[in-house]
C-alpha atoms as a PDB file:
ATOM      1  CA  MET A   1      -7.466 -26.482  14.650  1.00  0.00           C
ATOM      2  CA  ILE A   2      -7.174 -24.358  11.496  1.00  0.00           C
ATOM      3  CA  GLY A   3     -10.889 -23.719  11.312  1.00  0.00           C
ATOM      4  CA  THR A   4     -10.977 -22.675  14.903  1.00  0.00           C
ATOM      5  CA  ALA A   5      -8.079 -20.337  14.579  1.00  0.00           C
ATOM      6  CA  THR A   6      -9.504 -18.810  11.385  1.00  0.00           C
ATOM      7  CA  PHE A   7     -12.905 -18.295  12.932  1.00  0.00           C
ATOM      8  CA  ALA A   8     -11.468 -16.808  16.152  1.00  0.00           C
ATOM      9  CA  GLY A   9      -9.098 -14.575  14.164  1.00  0.00           C
ATOM     10  CA  LEU A  10     -11.947 -13.220  11.998  1.00  0.00           C
ATOM     11  CA  ILE A  11     -14.130 -12.523  14.971  1.00  0.00           C
ATOM     12  CA  THR A  12     -11.249 -10.802  16.831  1.00  0.00           C
ATOM     13  CA  ALA A  13     -10.404  -8.640  13.858  1.00  0.00           C
ATOM     14  CA  LEU A  14     -14.070  -7.744  13.444  1.00  0.00           C
ATOM     15  CA  GLY A  15     -14.190  -6.756  17.095  1.00  0.00           C
ATOM     16  CA  LEU A  16     -11.131  -4.550  16.712  1.00  0.00           C
ATOM     17  CA  ILE A  17     -12.688  -2.828  13.672  1.00  0.00           C
ATOM     18  CA  PHE A  18     -15.877  -2.135  15.600  1.00  0.00           C
ATOM     19  CA  LEU A  19     -13.851  -0.829  18.490  1.00  0.00           C
ATOM     20  CA  ALA A  20     -11.943   1.541  16.190  1.00  0.00           C
ATOM     21  CA  MET A  21     -15.241   2.779  14.745  1.00  0.00           C
ATOM     22  CA  LYS A  22     -16.269   4.095  18.184  1.00  0.00           C
ATOM     23  CA  PHE A  23     -13.375   6.588  18.192  1.00  0.00           C
ATOM     24  CA  GLY A  24     -14.721   8.672  15.341  1.00  0.00           C
ATOM     25  CA  ARG A  25     -13.514   9.702  11.926  1.00  0.00           C
ATOM     26  CA  GLY A  26     -10.521  11.866  13.045  1.00  0.00           C
ATOM     27  CA  VAL A  27      -8.907   9.065  14.995  1.00  0.00           C
ATOM     28  CA  ILE A  28      -9.598   6.490  12.284  1.00  0.00           C
ATOM     29  CA  LEU A  29      -8.071   8.807   9.577  1.00  0.00           C
ATOM     30  CA  THR A  30      -4.976   9.266  11.797  1.00  0.00           C
ATOM     31  CA  LEU A  31      -4.652   5.511  12.357  1.00  0.00           C
ATOM     32  CA  LEU A  32      -4.905   5.028   8.574  1.00  0.00           C
ATOM     33  CA  GLY A  33      -2.265   7.708   8.004  1.00  0.00           C
ATOM     34  CA  TYR A  34       0.151   5.635  10.005  1.00  0.00           C
ATOM     35  CA  ALA A  35      -1.114   2.306   8.883  1.00  0.00           C
ATOM     36  CA  TRP A  36       2.148   0.466   9.020  1.00  0.00           C
ATOM     37  CA  VAL A  37       2.547   1.361  12.742  1.00  0.00           C
ATOM     38  CA  THR A  38      -1.050   0.358  13.445  1.00  0.00           C
ATOM     39  CA  ASP A  39      -0.528  -2.921  11.528  1.00  0.00           C
ATOM     40  CA  ILE A  40       2.625  -3.830  13.423  1.00  0.00           C
ATOM     41  CA  VAL A  41       1.073  -3.006  16.850  1.00  0.00           C
ATOM     42  CA  VAL A  42      -2.156  -4.962  16.172  1.00  0.00           C
ATOM     43  CA  THR A  43      -0.397  -7.974  14.702  1.00  0.00           C
ATOM     44  CA  LEU A  44       2.351  -8.279  17.302  1.00  0.00           C
ATOM     45  CA  GLY A  45      -0.122  -7.511  20.149  1.00  0.00           C
ATOM     46  CA  CYS A  46      -2.644 -10.143  19.040  1.00  0.00           C
ATOM     47  CA  ILE A  47       0.106 -12.710  18.472  1.00  0.00           C
ATOM     48  CA  ALA A  48       1.551 -12.002  21.936  1.00  0.00           C
ATOM     49  CA  LEU A  49      -1.964 -12.140  23.506  1.00  0.00           C
ATOM     50  CA  PHE A  50      -3.080 -15.313  21.906  1.00  0.00           C
ATOM     51  CA  ALA A  51       0.252 -17.037  21.917  1.00  0.00           C
ATOM     52  CA  SER A  52       0.509 -16.641  25.722  1.00  0.00           C
ATOM     53  CA  SER A  53      -1.921 -19.537  25.980  1.00  0.00           C
ATOM     54  CA  GLY A  54       0.924 -21.728  24.896  1.00  0.00           C
ATOM     55  CA  THR A  55      -0.899 -23.441  22.059  1.00  0.00           C
ATOM     56  CA  ILE A  56      -0.245 -23.390  18.344  1.00  0.00           C
ATOM     57  CA  SER A  57      -3.842 -22.528  17.713  1.00  0.00           C
ATOM     58  CA  GLY A  58      -3.436 -19.429  19.794  1.00  0.00           C
ATOM     59  CA  LEU A  59      -0.520 -18.382  17.736  1.00  0.00           C
ATOM     60  CA  MET A  60      -2.426 -19.060  14.534  1.00  0.00           C
ATOM     61  CA  THR A  61      -5.373 -17.049  15.800  1.00  0.00           C
ATOM     62  CA  GLY A  62      -3.032 -14.082  16.347  1.00  0.00           C
ATOM     63  CA  ILE A  63      -1.571 -14.364  12.877  1.00  0.00           C
ATOM     64  CA  VAL A  64      -5.003 -14.592  11.300  1.00  0.00           C
ATOM     65  CA  THR A  65      -6.191 -11.619  13.216  1.00  0.00           C
ATOM     66  CA  GLY A  66      -3.094  -9.580  12.023  1.00  0.00           C
ATOM     67  CA  VAL A  67      -3.695 -10.561   8.375  1.00  0.00           C
ATOM     68  CA  VAL A  68      -7.385  -9.709   8.480  1.00  0.00           C
ATOM     69  CA  ALA A  69      -6.631  -6.409  10.232  1.00  0.00           C
ATOM     70  CA  SER A  70      -3.990  -5.562   7.629  1.00  0.00           C
ATOM     71  CA  ILE A  71      -6.394  -6.281   4.782  1.00  0.00           C
ATOM     72  CA  ALA A  72      -9.083  -4.067   6.468  1.00  0.00           C
ATOM     73  CA  LEU A  73      -6.614  -1.299   7.036  1.00  0.00           C
ATOM     74  CA  SER A  74      -5.509  -1.301   3.356  1.00  0.00           C
ATOM     75  CA  ALA A  75      -9.151  -1.282   2.081  1.00  0.00           C
ATOM     76  CA  ALA A  76     -10.159   1.474   4.490  1.00  0.00           C
ATOM     77  CA  ARG A  77      -7.115   3.570   3.556  1.00  0.00           C
ATOM     78  CA  LYS A  78      -8.090   3.391  -0.127  1.00  0.00           C
ATOM     79  CA  THR A  79     -11.746   4.082   0.426  1.00  0.00           C
ATOM     80  CA  MET A  80     -11.806   6.574   3.319  1.00  0.00           C
ATOM     81  CA  GLY A  81      -8.431   8.314   2.853  1.00  0.00           C
ATOM     82  CA  TYR A  82      -6.007   9.206   5.593  1.00  0.00           C
ATOM     83  CA  ARG A  83      -4.284  12.116   7.339  1.00  0.00           C
ATOM     84  CA  THR A  84      -0.737  12.696   8.322  1.00  0.00           C
ATOM     85  CA  LEU A  85       1.079  15.265  10.490  1.00  0.00           C
ATOM     86  CA  ARG A  86       3.171  17.564   8.293  1.00  0.00           C
ATOM     87  CA  VAL A  87       5.684  20.271   9.228  1.00  0.00           C
ATOM     88  CA  HIS A  88       4.450  23.518   7.727  1.00  0.00           C
ATOM     89  CA  HIS A  89       6.820  26.506   7.453  1.00  0.00           C
ATOM     90  CA  PRO A  90       5.464  29.554   5.694  1.00  0.00           C
ATOM     91  CA  ARG A  91       8.672  31.381   6.569  1.00  0.00           C
ATOM     92  CA  TRP A  92      12.014  29.895   7.338  1.00  0.00           C
ATOM     93  CA  TYR A  93      11.834  30.976  11.059  1.00  0.00           C
ATOM     94  CA  ILE A  94       8.220  29.847  11.774  1.00  0.00           C
ATOM     95  CA  TRP A  95       7.480  26.187  11.972  1.00  0.00           C
ATOM     96  CA  SER A  96       4.170  24.571  12.947  1.00  0.00           C
ATOM     97  CA  LEU A  97       2.591  21.165  12.660  1.00  0.00           C
ATOM     98  CA  ARG A  98      -0.585  20.716  10.629  1.00  0.00           C
ATOM     99  CA  TRP A  99      -2.778  17.761   9.747  1.00  0.00           C
ATOM    100  CA  GLU A 100      -2.910  17.084   6.029  1.00  0.00           C
ATOM    101  CA  GLU A 101      -5.785  15.039   4.797  1.00  0.00           C
ATOM    102  CA  HIS A 102      -5.567  12.841   1.650  1.00  0.00           C
ATOM    103  CA  ALA A 103      -8.456  11.336  -0.242  1.00  0.00           C
ATOM    104  CA  GLY A 104      -8.617   7.639  -0.913  1.00  0.00           C
ATOM    105  CA  GLU A 105      -7.879   6.216  -4.279  1.00  0.00           C
ATOM    106  CA  TRP A 106     -11.211   4.361  -4.474  1.00  0.00           C
ATOM    107  CA  ALA A 107     -13.282   7.215  -2.901  1.00  0.00           C
ATOM    108  CA  ALA A 108     -14.654   8.449  -6.331  1.00  0.00           C
ATOM    109  CA  LYS A 109     -15.657   4.913  -7.287  1.00  0.00           C
ATOM    110  CA  PHE A 110     -17.561   4.189  -4.097  1.00  0.00           C
ATOM    111  CA  ARG A 111     -18.981   7.723  -3.577  1.00  0.00           C
ATOM    112  CA  LYS A 112     -22.428   6.666  -4.760  1.00  0.00           C
ATOM    113  CA  PHE A 113     -22.502   3.998  -2.042  1.00  0.00           C
ATOM    114  CA  THR A 114     -21.532   6.207   0.893  1.00  0.00           C
ATOM    115  CA  VAL A 115     -24.064   7.736   3.271  1.00  0.00           C
ATOM    116  CA  ARG A 116     -23.530  11.428   4.035  1.00  0.00           C
END
């Protein structure tokens, strides 16, 4: 049971990562900017999806998927960086929203391995 739940959780998390890669760099950086929201939605969504089967192995599969997705989000945030929406006000009466990009902490260490 544990082996099946772990394997299914790893495969599901890998599928979610590949699905997120299809959206492009901008969407991925935005998801990484709000990683805690993404983490909660993925974890609770997978738990609800797999636990609806009514088995404990379904619940464990959802939990493993959430853990693996959380680890992947943390690693991607540190390597790729992230972007957040910030309120920019050059004058006190003009407000606008701008995307602010942040570099990852590990980006300099892994720069020689990245393809540009």
